[in-house]
PDB file of N, CA and C in Angstrom:
ATOM      1  N   MET A   1     -14.711  -7.780 -12.360  1.00  0.00           N
ATOM      2  CA  MET A   1     -14.982  -6.364 -12.397  1.00  0.00           C
ATOM      3  C   MET A   1     -13.708  -5.578 -12.724  1.00  0.00           C
ATOM      4  N   LEU A   2     -12.594  -5.870 -12.032  1.00  0.00           N
ATOM      5  CA  LEU A   2     -11.316  -5.217 -12.306  1.00  0.00           C
ATOM      6  C   LEU A   2     -10.276  -6.293 -12.592  1.00  0.00           C
ATOM      7  N   GLN A   3      -9.640  -6.190 -13.726  1.00  0.00           N
ATOM      8  CA  GLN A   3      -8.605  -7.153 -14.121  1.00  0.00           C
ATOM      9  C   GLN A   3      -7.308  -6.398 -14.420  1.00  0.00           C
ATOM     10  N   ILE A   4      -6.242  -6.824 -13.816  1.00  0.00           N
ATOM     11  CA  ILE A   4      -4.901  -6.340 -14.145  1.00  0.00           C
ATOM     12  C   ILE A   4      -4.203  -7.539 -14.759  1.00  0.00           C
ATOM     13  N   GLU A   5      -3.813  -7.404 -16.010  1.00  0.00           N
ATOM     14  CA  GLU A   5      -3.297  -8.562 -16.746  1.00  0.00           C
ATOM     15  C   GLU A   5      -1.853  -8.348 -17.192  1.00  0.00           C
ATOM     16  N   ALA A   6      -0.935  -9.023 -16.529  1.00  0.00           N
ATOM     17  CA  ALA A   6       0.483  -9.089 -16.911  1.00  0.00           C
ATOM     18  C   ALA A   6       1.094  -7.717 -17.177  1.00  0.00           C
ATOM     19  N   ILE A   7       0.842  -6.751 -16.252  1.00  0.00           N
ATOM     20  CA  ILE A   7       1.368  -5.407 -16.485  1.00  0.00           C
ATOM     21  C   ILE A   7       2.832  -5.291 -16.085  1.00  0.00           C
ATOM     22  N   THR A   8       3.530  -4.506 -16.866  1.00  0.00           N
ATOM     23  CA  THR A   8       4.884  -4.073 -16.567  1.00  0.00           C
ATOM     24  C   THR A   8       4.838  -2.557 -16.618  1.00  0.00           C
ATOM     25  N   ALA A   9       5.371  -1.912 -15.588  1.00  0.00           N
ATOM     26  CA  ALA A   9       5.314  -0.447 -15.523  1.00  0.00           C
ATOM     27  C   ALA A   9       6.411   0.072 -14.611  1.00  0.00           C
ATOM     28  N   GLY A  10       6.688   1.345 -14.735  1.00  0.00           N
ATOM     29  CA  GLY A  10       7.688   1.968 -13.880  1.00  0.00           C
ATOM     30  C   GLY A  10       7.803   3.446 -14.159  1.00  0.00           C
ATOM     31  N   TYR A  11       8.959   3.973 -13.844  1.00  0.00           N
ATOM     32  CA  TYR A  11       9.217   5.404 -13.950  1.00  0.00           C
ATOM     33  C   TYR A  11      10.488   5.606 -14.763  1.00  0.00           C
ATOM     34  N   GLY A  12      10.345   6.133 -15.966  1.00  0.00           N
ATOM     35  CA  GLY A  12      11.513   6.312 -16.828  1.00  0.00           C
ATOM     36  C   GLY A  12      12.160   4.982 -17.138  1.00  0.00           C
ATOM     37  N   ASP A  13      13.450   4.868 -16.862  1.00  0.00           N
ATOM     38  CA  ASP A  13      14.190   3.636 -17.129  1.00  0.00           C
ATOM     39  C   ASP A  13      14.075   2.601 -16.005  1.00  0.00           C
ATOM     40  N   VAL A  14      13.382   2.955 -14.927  1.00  0.00           N
ATOM     41  CA  VAL A  14      13.270   2.059 -13.770  1.00  0.00           C
ATOM     42  C   VAL A  14      11.962   1.275 -13.853  1.00  0.00           C
ATOM     43  N   THR A  15      12.054  -0.028 -14.020  1.00  0.00           N
ATOM     44  CA  THR A  15      10.883  -0.895 -14.041  1.00  0.00           C
ATOM     45  C   THR A  15      10.569  -1.311 -12.612  1.00  0.00           C
ATOM     46  N   VAL A  16       9.344  -1.033 -12.178  1.00  0.00           N
ATOM     47  CA  VAL A  16       8.922  -1.345 -10.816  1.00  0.00           C
ATOM     48  C   VAL A  16       8.056  -2.602 -10.792  1.00  0.00           C
ATOM     49  N   LEU A  17       7.184  -2.749 -11.778  1.00  0.00           N
ATOM     50  CA  LEU A  17       6.294  -3.902 -11.860  1.00  0.00           C
ATOM     51  C   LEU A  17       6.663  -4.742 -13.066  1.00  0.00           C
ATOM     52  N   ARG A  18       6.707  -6.042 -12.880  1.00  0.00           N
ATOM     53  CA  ARG A  18       6.981  -6.975 -13.985  1.00  0.00           C
ATOM     54  C   ARG A  18       5.946  -8.094 -13.948  1.00  0.00           C
ATOM     55  N   ASP A  19       5.151  -8.179 -14.994  1.00  0.00           N
ATOM     56  CA  ASP A  19       4.191  -9.274 -15.163  1.00  0.00           C
ATOM     57  C   ASP A  19       3.256  -9.430 -13.963  1.00  0.00           C
ATOM     58  N   VAL A  20       2.651  -8.330 -13.528  1.00  0.00           N
ATOM     59  CA  VAL A  20       1.733  -8.339 -12.385  1.00  0.00           C
ATOM     60  C   VAL A  20       0.309  -8.557 -12.874  1.00  0.00           C
ATOM     61  N   SER A  21      -0.374  -9.513 -12.271  1.00  0.00           N
ATOM     62  CA  SER A  21      -1.771  -9.792 -12.604  1.00  0.00           C
ATOM     63  C   SER A  21      -2.592  -9.857 -11.320  1.00  0.00           C
ATOM     64  N   LEU A  22      -3.835  -9.408 -11.431  1.00  0.00           N
ATOM     65  CA  LEU A  22      -4.743  -9.386 -10.283  1.00  0.00           C
ATOM     66  C   LEU A  22      -6.165  -9.356 -10.829  1.00  0.00           C
ATOM     67  N   SER A  23      -7.057 -10.070 -10.173  1.00  0.00           N
ATOM     68  CA  SER A  23      -8.455 -10.088 -10.577  1.00  0.00           C
ATOM     69  C   SER A  23      -9.318  -9.822  -9.353  1.00  0.00           C
ATOM     70  N   ILE A  24     -10.221  -8.858  -9.471  1.00  0.00           N
ATOM     71  CA  ILE A  24     -11.118  -8.521  -8.368  1.00  0.00           C
ATOM     72  C   ILE A  24     -12.549  -8.594  -8.882  1.00  0.00           C
ATOM     73  N   ASP A  25     -13.359  -9.405  -8.243  1.00  0.00           N
ATOM     74  CA  ASP A  25     -14.758  -9.562  -8.626  1.00  0.00           C
ATOM     75  C   ASP A  25     -15.636  -8.561  -7.891  1.00  0.00           C
ATOM     76  N   ALA A  26     -16.804  -8.295  -8.429  1.00  0.00           N
ATOM     77  CA  ALA A  26     -17.770  -7.399  -7.789  1.00  0.00           C
ATOM     78  C   ALA A  26     -18.078  -7.888  -6.379  1.00  0.00           C
ATOM     79  N   GLY A  27     -18.078  -6.970  -5.425  1.00  0.00           N
ATOM     80  CA  GLY A  27     -18.370  -7.310  -4.039  1.00  0.00           C
ATOM     81  C   GLY A  27     -17.206  -7.869  -3.252  1.00  0.00           C
ATOM     82  N   GLN A  28     -16.106  -8.117  -3.912  1.00  0.00           N
ATOM     83  CA  GLN A  28     -14.934  -8.680  -3.247  1.00  0.00           C
ATOM     84  C   GLN A  28     -14.118  -7.561  -2.603  1.00  0.00           C
ATOM     85  N   ILE A  29     -13.556  -7.830  -1.457  1.00  0.00           N
ATOM     86  CA  ILE A  29     -12.669  -6.891  -0.776  1.00  0.00           C
ATOM     87  C   ILE A  29     -11.255  -7.441  -0.878  1.00  0.00           C
ATOM     88  N   VAL A  30     -10.331  -6.614  -1.356  1.00  0.00           N
ATOM     89  CA  VAL A  30      -8.951  -7.049  -1.568  1.00  0.00           C
ATOM     90  C   VAL A  30      -8.011  -6.063  -0.902  1.00  0.00           C
ATOM     91  N   ALA A  31      -6.988  -6.571  -0.246  1.00  0.00           N
ATOM     92  CA  ALA A  31      -5.945  -5.743   0.343  1.00  0.00           C
ATOM     93  C   ALA A  31      -4.656  -5.972  -0.428  1.00  0.00           C
ATOM     94  N   LEU A  32      -4.006  -4.902  -0.799  1.00  0.00           N
ATOM     95  CA  LEU A  32      -2.715  -4.970  -1.483  1.00  0.00           C
ATOM     96  C   LEU A  32      -1.661  -4.576  -0.454  1.00  0.00           C
ATOM     97  N   ILE A  33      -0.917  -5.576   0.024  1.00  0.00           N
ATOM     98  CA  ILE A  33       0.046  -5.324   1.089  1.00  0.00           C
ATOM     99  C   ILE A  33       1.441  -5.743   0.633  1.00  0.00           C
ATOM    100  N   GLY A  34       2.436  -5.160   1.258  1.00  0.00           N
ATOM    101  CA  GLY A  34       3.817  -5.506   0.947  1.00  0.00           C
ATOM    102  C   GLY A  34       4.767  -4.493   1.539  1.00  0.00           C
ATOM    103  N   ALA A  35       6.018  -4.797   1.451  1.00  0.00           N
ATOM    104  CA  ALA A  35       7.060  -3.924   1.988  1.00  0.00           C
ATOM    105  C   ALA A  35       7.156  -2.633   1.188  1.00  0.00           C
ATOM    106  N   ASN A  36       7.806  -1.632   1.777  1.00  0.00           N
ATOM    107  CA  ASN A  36       8.091  -0.407   1.039  1.00  0.00           C
ATOM    108  C   ASN A  36       8.867  -0.758  -0.210  1.00  0.00           C
ATOM    109  N   GLY A  37       8.477  -0.152  -1.336  1.00  0.00           N
ATOM    110  CA  GLY A  37       9.174  -0.401  -2.590  1.00  0.00           C
ATOM    111  C   GLY A  37       8.725  -1.644  -3.329  1.00  0.00           C
ATOM    112  N   ALA A  38       7.662  -2.306  -2.840  1.00  0.00           N
ATOM    113  CA  ALA A  38       7.200  -3.544  -3.474  1.00  0.00           C
ATOM    114  C   ALA A  38       6.347  -3.303  -4.719  1.00  0.00           C
ATOM    115  N   GLY A  39       5.845  -2.061  -4.901  1.00  0.00           N
ATOM    116  CA  GLY A  39       5.061  -1.742  -6.087  1.00  0.00           C
ATOM    117  C   GLY A  39       3.583  -1.518  -5.848  1.00  0.00           C
ATOM    118  N   LYS A  40       3.170  -1.403  -4.597  1.00  0.00           N
ATOM    119  CA  LYS A  40       1.751  -1.194  -4.291  1.00  0.00           C
ATOM    120  C   LYS A  40       1.239   0.113  -4.896  1.00  0.00           C
ATOM    121  N   THR A  41       1.917   1.196  -4.637  1.00  0.00           N
ATOM    122  CA  THR A  41       1.499   2.500  -5.142  1.00  0.00           C
ATOM    123  C   THR A  41       1.578   2.544  -6.661  1.00  0.00           C
ATOM    124  N   THR A  42       2.605   1.973  -7.234  1.00  0.00           N
ATOM    125  CA  THR A  42       2.739   1.940  -8.691  1.00  0.00           C
ATOM    126  C   THR A  42       1.580   1.169  -9.311  1.00  0.00           C
ATOM    127  N   THR A  43       1.183   0.065  -8.701  1.00  0.00           N
ATOM    128  CA  THR A  43       0.046  -0.701  -9.202  1.00  0.00           C
ATOM    129  C   THR A  43      -1.215   0.155  -9.205  1.00  0.00           C
ATOM    130  N   LEU A  44      -1.477   0.855  -8.106  1.00  0.00           N
ATOM    131  CA  LEU A  44      -2.663   1.712  -8.030  1.00  0.00           C
ATOM    132  C   LEU A  44      -2.578   2.877  -9.006  1.00  0.00           C
ATOM    133  N   ARG A  45      -1.389   3.391  -9.247  1.00  0.00           N
ATOM    134  CA  ARG A  45      -1.224   4.468 -10.231  1.00  0.00           C
ATOM    135  C   ARG A  45      -1.507   3.988 -11.650  1.00  0.00           C
ATOM    136  N   VAL A  46      -1.153   2.750 -11.937  1.00  0.00           N
ATOM    137  CA  VAL A  46      -1.483   2.181 -13.251  1.00  0.00           C
ATOM    138  C   VAL A  46      -3.000   2.037 -13.379  1.00  0.00           C
ATOM    139  N   VAL A  47      -3.649   1.512 -12.354  1.00  0.00           N
ATOM    140  CA  VAL A  47      -5.106   1.334 -12.382  1.00  0.00           C
ATOM    141  C   VAL A  47      -5.802   2.678 -12.545  1.00  0.00           C
ATOM    142  N   SER A  48      -5.289   3.718 -11.914  1.00  0.00           N
ATOM    143  CA  SER A  48      -5.885   5.051 -11.964  1.00  0.00           C
ATOM    144  C   SER A  48      -5.575   5.820 -13.238  1.00  0.00           C
ATOM    145  N   GLY A  49      -4.659   5.310 -14.044  1.00  0.00           N
ATOM    146  CA  GLY A  49      -4.298   6.011 -15.271  1.00  0.00           C
ATOM    147  C   GLY A  49      -3.219   7.056 -15.094  1.00  0.00           C
ATOM    148  N   LEU A  50      -2.615   7.119 -13.917  1.00  0.00           N
ATOM    149  CA  LEU A  50      -1.535   8.079 -13.684  1.00  0.00           C
ATOM    150  C   LEU A  50      -0.233   7.629 -14.323  1.00  0.00           C
ATOM    151  N   ILE A  51      -0.089   6.317 -14.497  1.00  0.00           N
ATOM    152  CA  ILE A  51       1.067   5.722 -15.162  1.00  0.00           C
ATOM    153  C   ILE A  51       0.534   4.744 -16.198  1.00  0.00           C
ATOM    154  N   ARG A  52       1.102   4.744 -17.368  1.00  0.00           N
ATOM    155  CA  ARG A  52       0.710   3.795 -18.413  1.00  0.00           C
ATOM    156  C   ARG A  52       1.596   2.557 -18.322  1.00  0.00           C
ATOM    157  N   PRO A  53       1.009   1.377 -18.393  1.00  0.00           N
ATOM    158  CA  PRO A  53       1.847   0.180 -18.413  1.00  0.00           C
ATOM    159  C   PRO A  53       2.574   0.075 -19.757  1.00  0.00           C
ATOM    160  N   SER A  54       3.809  -0.380 -19.728  1.00  0.00           N
ATOM    161  CA  SER A  54       4.536  -0.592 -20.982  1.00  0.00           C
ATOM    162  C   SER A  54       4.119  -1.905 -21.614  1.00  0.00           C
ATOM    163  N   VAL A  55       3.630  -2.828 -20.791  1.00  0.00           N
ATOM    164  CA  VAL A  55       3.129  -4.123 -21.252  1.00  0.00           C
ATOM    165  C   VAL A  55       1.912  -4.452 -20.406  1.00  0.00           C
ATOM    166  N   GLY A  56       0.948  -5.157 -20.994  1.00  0.00           N
ATOM    167  CA  GLY A  56      -0.216  -5.616 -20.255  1.00  0.00           C
ATOM    168  C   GLY A  56      -1.398  -4.686 -20.403  1.00  0.00           C
ATOM    169  N   ARG A  57      -2.470  -5.035 -19.684  1.00  0.00           N
ATOM    170  CA  ARG A  57      -3.683  -4.229 -19.785  1.00  0.00           C
ATOM    171  C   ARG A  57      -4.466  -4.256 -18.486  1.00  0.00           C
ATOM    172  N   VAL A  58      -5.300  -3.237 -18.331  1.00  0.00           N
ATOM    173  CA  VAL A  58      -6.198  -3.127 -17.191  1.00  0.00           C
ATOM    174  C   VAL A  58      -7.609  -3.013 -17.755  1.00  0.00           C
ATOM    175  N   THR A  59      -8.519  -3.849 -17.250  1.00  0.00           N
ATOM    176  CA  THR A  59      -9.909  -3.761 -17.682  1.00  0.00           C
ATOM    177  C   THR A  59     -10.808  -3.544 -16.469  1.00  0.00           C
ATOM    178  N   PHE A  60     -11.846  -2.761 -16.677  1.00  0.00           N
ATOM    179  CA  PHE A  60     -12.825  -2.465 -15.634  1.00  0.00           C
ATOM    180  C   PHE A  60     -14.206  -2.634 -16.246  1.00  0.00           C
ATOM    181  N   ASP A  61     -15.002  -3.483 -15.657  1.00  0.00           N
ATOM    182  CA  ASP A  61     -16.330  -3.795 -16.183  1.00  0.00           C
ATOM    183  C   ASP A  61     -16.284  -4.197 -17.655  1.00  0.00           C
ATOM    184  N   GLY A  62     -15.258  -4.953 -18.028  1.00  0.00           N
ATOM    185  CA  GLY A  62     -15.137  -5.457 -19.381  1.00  0.00           C
ATOM    186  C   GLY A  62     -14.537  -4.503 -20.397  1.00  0.00           C
ATOM    187  N   GLN A  63     -14.200  -3.281 -19.987  1.00  0.00           N
ATOM    188  CA  GLN A  63     -13.608  -2.298 -20.899  1.00  0.00           C
ATOM    189  C   GLN A  63     -12.127  -2.116 -20.586  1.00  0.00           C
ATOM    190  N   ALA A  64     -11.300  -2.115 -21.626  1.00  0.00           N
ATOM    191  CA  ALA A  64      -9.876  -1.865 -21.445  1.00  0.00           C
ATOM    192  C   ALA A  64      -9.681  -0.387 -21.108  1.00  0.00           C
ATOM    193  N   ILE A  65      -9.097  -0.106 -19.943  1.00  0.00           N
ATOM    194  CA  ILE A  65      -8.946   1.284 -19.486  1.00  0.00           C
ATOM    195  C   ILE A  65      -7.494   1.725 -19.374  1.00  0.00           C
ATOM    196  N   HIS A  66      -6.539   0.842 -19.685  1.00  0.00           N
ATOM    197  CA  HIS A  66      -5.129   1.158 -19.453  1.00  0.00           C
ATOM    198  C   HIS A  66      -4.610   2.316 -20.305  1.00  0.00           C
ATOM    199  N   SER A  67      -5.334   2.710 -21.331  1.00  0.00           N
ATOM    200  CA  SER A  67      -4.906   3.848 -22.147  1.00  0.00           C
ATOM    201  C   SER A  67      -5.770   5.087 -21.899  1.00  0.00           C
ATOM    202  N   TRP A  68      -6.734   4.985 -21.007  1.00  0.00           N
ATOM    203  CA  TRP A  68      -7.629   6.112 -20.707  1.00  0.00           C
ATOM    204  C   TRP A  68      -6.943   7.121 -19.797  1.00  0.00           C
ATOM    205  N   GLY A  69      -7.415   8.359 -19.831  1.00  0.00           N
ATOM    206  CA  GLY A  69      -6.983   9.385 -18.894  1.00  0.00           C
ATOM    207  C   GLY A  69      -7.690   9.201 -17.563  1.00  0.00           C
ATOM    208  N   THR A  70      -7.157   9.802 -16.529  1.00  0.00           N
ATOM    209  CA  THR A  70      -7.740   9.637 -15.194  1.00  0.00           C
ATOM    210  C   THR A  70      -9.170  10.152 -15.123  1.00  0.00           C
ATOM    211  N   ASP A  71      -9.472  11.230 -15.827  1.00  0.00           N
ATOM    212  CA  ASP A  71     -10.827  11.774 -15.778  1.00  0.00           C
ATOM    213  C   ASP A  71     -11.845  10.783 -16.344  1.00  0.00           C
ATOM    214  N   ARG A  72     -11.471  10.093 -17.380  1.00  0.00           N
ATOM    215  CA  ARG A  72     -12.371   9.103 -17.979  1.00  0.00           C
ATOM    216  C   ARG A  72     -12.535   7.883 -17.066  1.00  0.00           C
ATOM    217  N   ILE A  73     -11.452   7.478 -16.410  1.00  0.00           N
ATOM    218  CA  ILE A  73     -11.508   6.348 -15.484  1.00  0.00           C
ATOM    219  C   ILE A  73     -12.425   6.685 -14.306  1.00  0.00           C
ATOM    220  N   VAL A  74     -12.283   7.873 -13.743  1.00  0.00           N
ATOM    221  CA  VAL A  74     -13.154   8.307 -12.645  1.00  0.00           C
ATOM    222  C   VAL A  74     -14.597   8.393 -13.138  1.00  0.00           C
ATOM    223  N   GLY A  75     -14.799   8.908 -14.341  1.00  0.00           N
ATOM    224  CA  GLY A  75     -16.135   8.998 -14.909  1.00  0.00           C
ATOM    225  C   GLY A  75     -16.797   7.640 -15.092  1.00  0.00           C
ATOM    226  N   ALA A  76     -15.989   6.607 -15.275  1.00  0.00           N
ATOM    227  CA  ALA A  76     -16.517   5.246 -15.407  1.00  0.00           C
ATOM    228  C   ALA A  76     -16.871   4.645 -14.055  1.00  0.00           C
ATOM    229  N   GLY A  77     -16.501   5.352 -12.965  1.00  0.00           N
ATOM    230  CA  GLY A  77     -16.865   4.889 -11.625  1.00  0.00           C
ATOM    231  C   GLY A  77     -15.755   4.229 -10.841  1.00  0.00           C
ATOM    232  N   LEU A  78     -14.532   4.260 -11.347  1.00  0.00           N
ATOM    233  CA  LEU A  78     -13.404   3.659 -10.637  1.00  0.00           C
ATOM    234  C   LEU A  78     -12.622   4.781  -9.945  1.00  0.00           C
ATOM    235  N   VAL A  79     -12.716   4.836  -8.635  1.00  0.00           N
ATOM    236  CA  VAL A  79     -12.063   5.889  -7.857  1.00  0.00           C
ATOM    237  C   VAL A  79     -11.291   5.274  -6.701  1.00  0.00           C
ATOM    238  N   GLN A  80     -10.353   6.034  -6.167  1.00  0.00           N
ATOM    239  CA  GLN A  80      -9.595   5.612  -4.998  1.00  0.00           C
ATOM    240  C   GLN A  80      -9.891   6.556  -3.849  1.00  0.00           C
ATOM    241  N   VAL A  81      -9.903   6.008  -2.653  1.00  0.00           N
ATOM    242  CA  VAL A  81     -10.052   6.816  -1.447  1.00  0.00           C
ATOM    243  C   VAL A  81      -8.843   6.512  -0.583  1.00  0.00           C
ATOM    244  N   PRO A  82      -7.752   7.309  -0.722  1.00  0.00           N
ATOM    245  CA  PRO A  82      -6.540   7.019   0.046  1.00  0.00           C
ATOM    246  C   PRO A  82      -6.763   7.207   1.543  1.00  0.00           C
ATOM    247  N   GLU A  83      -6.122   6.371   2.305  1.00  0.00           N
ATOM    248  CA  GLU A  83      -6.211   6.415   3.760  1.00  0.00           C
ATOM    249  C   GLU A  83      -4.909   6.980   4.311  1.00  0.00           C
ATOM    250  N   GLY A  84      -5.021   7.666   5.414  1.00  0.00           N
ATOM    251  CA  GLY A  84      -3.817   8.091   6.116  1.00  0.00           C
ATOM    252  C   GLY A  84      -3.289   9.459   5.731  1.00  0.00           C
ATOM    253  N   ARG A  85      -4.020  10.229   4.944  1.00  0.00           N
ATOM    254  CA  ARG A  85      -3.549  11.555   4.546  1.00  0.00           C
ATOM    255  C   ARG A  85      -4.014  12.639   5.515  1.00  0.00           C
ATOM    256  N   HIS A  86      -4.948  12.300   6.397  1.00  0.00           N
ATOM    257  CA  HIS A  86      -5.488  13.217   7.394  1.00  0.00           C
ATOM    258  C   HIS A  86      -6.084  14.476   6.770  1.00  0.00           C
ATOM    259  N   LEU A  87      -6.712  14.332   5.599  1.00  0.00           N
ATOM    260  CA  LEU A  87      -7.323  15.472   4.923  1.00  0.00           C
ATOM    261  C   LEU A  87      -8.713  15.779   5.457  1.00  0.00           C
ATOM    262  N   PHE A  88      -9.484  14.763   5.733  1.00  0.00           N
ATOM    263  CA  PHE A  88     -10.863  14.948   6.160  1.00  0.00           C
ATOM    264  C   PHE A  88     -11.095  14.179   7.460  1.00  0.00           C
ATOM    265  N   THR A  89     -10.320  14.497   8.458  1.00  0.00           N
ATOM    266  CA  THR A  89     -10.328  13.716   9.696  1.00  0.00           C
ATOM    267  C   THR A  89     -11.625  13.844  10.482  1.00  0.00           C
ATOM    268  N   GLN A  90     -12.375  14.905  10.283  1.00  0.00           N
ATOM    269  CA  GLN A  90     -13.618  15.085  11.028  1.00  0.00           C
ATOM    270  C   GLN A  90     -14.800  14.376  10.368  1.00  0.00           C
ATOM    271  N   MET A  91     -14.578  13.792   9.174  1.00  0.00           N
ATOM    272  CA  MET A  91     -15.656  13.114   8.455  1.00  0.00           C
ATOM    273  C   MET A  91     -15.660  11.624   8.793  1.00  0.00           C
ATOM    274  N   THR A  92     -16.830  11.022   8.742  1.00  0.00           N
ATOM    275  CA  THR A  92     -16.940   9.580   8.948  1.00  0.00           C
ATOM    276  C   THR A  92     -16.433   8.853   7.703  1.00  0.00           C
ATOM    277  N   VAL A  93     -16.253   7.545   7.816  1.00  0.00           N
ATOM    278  CA  VAL A  93     -15.850   6.739   6.659  1.00  0.00           C
ATOM    279  C   VAL A  93     -16.891   6.877   5.550  1.00  0.00           C
ATOM    280  N   LEU A  94     -18.169   6.794   5.911  1.00  0.00           N
ATOM    281  CA  LEU A  94     -19.240   6.923   4.917  1.00  0.00           C
ATOM    282  C   LEU A  94     -19.174   8.284   4.227  1.00  0.00           C
ATOM    283  N   GLU A  95     -18.975   9.344   4.981  1.00  0.00           N
ATOM    284  CA  GLU A  95     -18.891  10.683   4.385  1.00  0.00           C
ATOM    285  C   GLU A  95     -17.700  10.790   3.434  1.00  0.00           C
ATOM    286  N   ASN A  96     -16.577  10.185   3.787  1.00  0.00           N
ATOM    287  CA  ASN A  96     -15.410  10.181   2.902  1.00  0.00           C
ATOM    288  C   ASN A  96     -15.715   9.447   1.600  1.00  0.00           C
ATOM    289  N   LEU A  97     -16.398   8.294   1.698  1.00  0.00           N
ATOM    290  CA  LEU A  97     -16.755   7.529   0.500  1.00  0.00           C
ATOM    291  C   LEU A  97     -17.751   8.295  -0.361  1.00  0.00           C
ATOM    292  N   GLU A  98     -18.715   8.953   0.286  1.00  0.00           N
ATOM    293  CA  GLU A  98     -19.689   9.741  -0.470  1.00  0.00           C
ATOM    294  C   GLU A  98     -19.004  10.917  -1.181  1.00  0.00           C
ATOM    295  N   LEU A  99     -18.048  11.519  -0.540  1.00  0.00           N
ATOM    296  CA  LEU A  99     -17.296  12.609  -1.171  1.00  0.00           C
ATOM    297  C   LEU A  99     -16.556  12.103  -2.402  1.00  0.00           C
ATOM    298  N   GLY A 100     -16.040  10.884  -2.330  1.00  0.00           N
ATOM    299  CA  GLY A 100     -15.338  10.297  -3.467  1.00  0.00           C
ATOM    300  C   GLY A 100     -16.263   9.950  -4.631  1.00  0.00           C
ATOM    301  N   ALA A 101     -17.576   9.947  -4.397  1.00  0.00           N
ATOM    302  CA  ALA A 101     -18.535   9.621  -5.452  1.00  0.00           C
ATOM    303  C   ALA A 101     -18.936  10.843  -6.272  1.00  0.00           C
ATOM    304  N   PHE A 102     -18.353  11.986  -5.994  1.00  0.00           N
ATOM    305  CA  PHE A 102     -18.671  13.203  -6.737  1.00  0.00           C
ATOM    306  C   PHE A 102     -17.461  13.673  -7.518  1.00  0.00           C
ATOM    307  N   ARG A 103     -17.739  14.225  -8.676  1.00  0.00           N
ATOM    308  CA  ARG A 103     -16.672  14.847  -9.453  1.00  0.00           C
ATOM    309  C   ARG A 103     -17.158  16.211  -9.891  1.00  0.00           C
ATOM    310  N   ARG A 104     -16.237  17.088 -10.141  1.00  0.00           N
ATOM    311  CA  ARG A 104     -16.565  18.441 -10.547  1.00  0.00           C
ATOM    312  C   ARG A 104     -17.092  18.431 -11.981  1.00  0.00           C
ATOM    313  N   GLY A 105     -18.242  19.005 -12.184  1.00  0.00           N
ATOM    314  CA  GLY A 105     -18.835  19.087 -13.506  1.00  0.00           C
ATOM    315  C   GLY A 105     -18.216  20.214 -14.322  1.00  0.00           C
ATOM    316  N   ARG A 106     -18.613  20.306 -15.561  1.00  0.00           N
ATOM    317  CA  ARG A 106     -18.065  21.327 -16.465  1.00  0.00           C
ATOM    318  C   ARG A 106     -18.342  22.737 -15.969  1.00  0.00           C
ATOM    319  N   ARG A 107     -19.432  22.922 -15.277  1.00  0.00           N
ATOM    320  CA  ARG A 107     -19.797  24.254 -14.797  1.00  0.00           C
ATOM    321  C   ARG A 107     -19.440  24.442 -13.326  1.00  0.00           C
ATOM    322  N   GLY A 108     -18.608  23.549 -12.788  1.00  0.00           N
ATOM    323  CA  GLY A 108     -18.131  23.693 -11.431  1.00  0.00           C
ATOM    324  C   GLY A 108     -19.026  23.066 -10.370  1.00  0.00           C
ATOM    325  N   ARG A 109     -20.192  22.540 -10.767  1.00  0.00           N
ATOM    326  CA  ARG A 109     -21.040  21.912  -9.776  1.00  0.00           C
ATOM    327  C   ARG A 109     -20.694  20.415  -9.683  1.00  0.00           C
ATOM    328  N   GLY A 110     -21.004  19.829  -8.558  1.00  0.00           N
ATOM    329  CA  GLY A 110     -20.686  18.424  -8.365  1.00  0.00           C
ATOM    330  C   GLY A 110     -21.684  17.507  -9.053  1.00  0.00           C
ATOM    331  N   ASP A 111     -21.190  16.515  -9.721  1.00  0.00           N
ATOM    332  CA  ASP A 111     -22.024  15.505 -10.362  1.00  0.00           C
ATOM    333  C   ASP A 111     -21.732  14.172  -9.700  1.00  0.00           C
ATOM    334  N   ARG A 112     -22.792  13.474  -9.281  1.00  0.00           N
ATOM    335  CA  ARG A 112     -22.599  12.169  -8.638  1.00  0.00           C
ATOM    336  C   ARG A 112     -22.232  11.139  -9.697  1.00  0.00           C
ATOM    337  N   LEU A 113     -21.249  10.286  -9.384  1.00  0.00           N
ATOM    338  CA  LEU A 113     -20.855   9.218 -10.300  1.00  0.00           C
ATOM    339  C   LEU A 113     -21.891   8.137 -10.349  1.00  0.00           C
TER     340      LEU A 113
END
């Protein structure tokens, strides 16, 4: 379902990820863990389209998405629900996930993904 293939990425002249690969199948639960500065956030930013990999590719449901904008990636159904920001603390986990399934439409109304 989600493939990260030999990506290299970073910020300006600083390379954070080198030859990183990961494969996640439908229904699989994966945890990305590591020390501060290990590249966890950078990896998720590449998947989300916030950072472009200089090498490698990201595919989602068989489509190469590493050159797509974030709006197109979200429109394809790939979203992140960050934990620990304390933005919606009164909502249940299910309510947080349901909120992540909506995006703002062209006319300002919510459209379910």
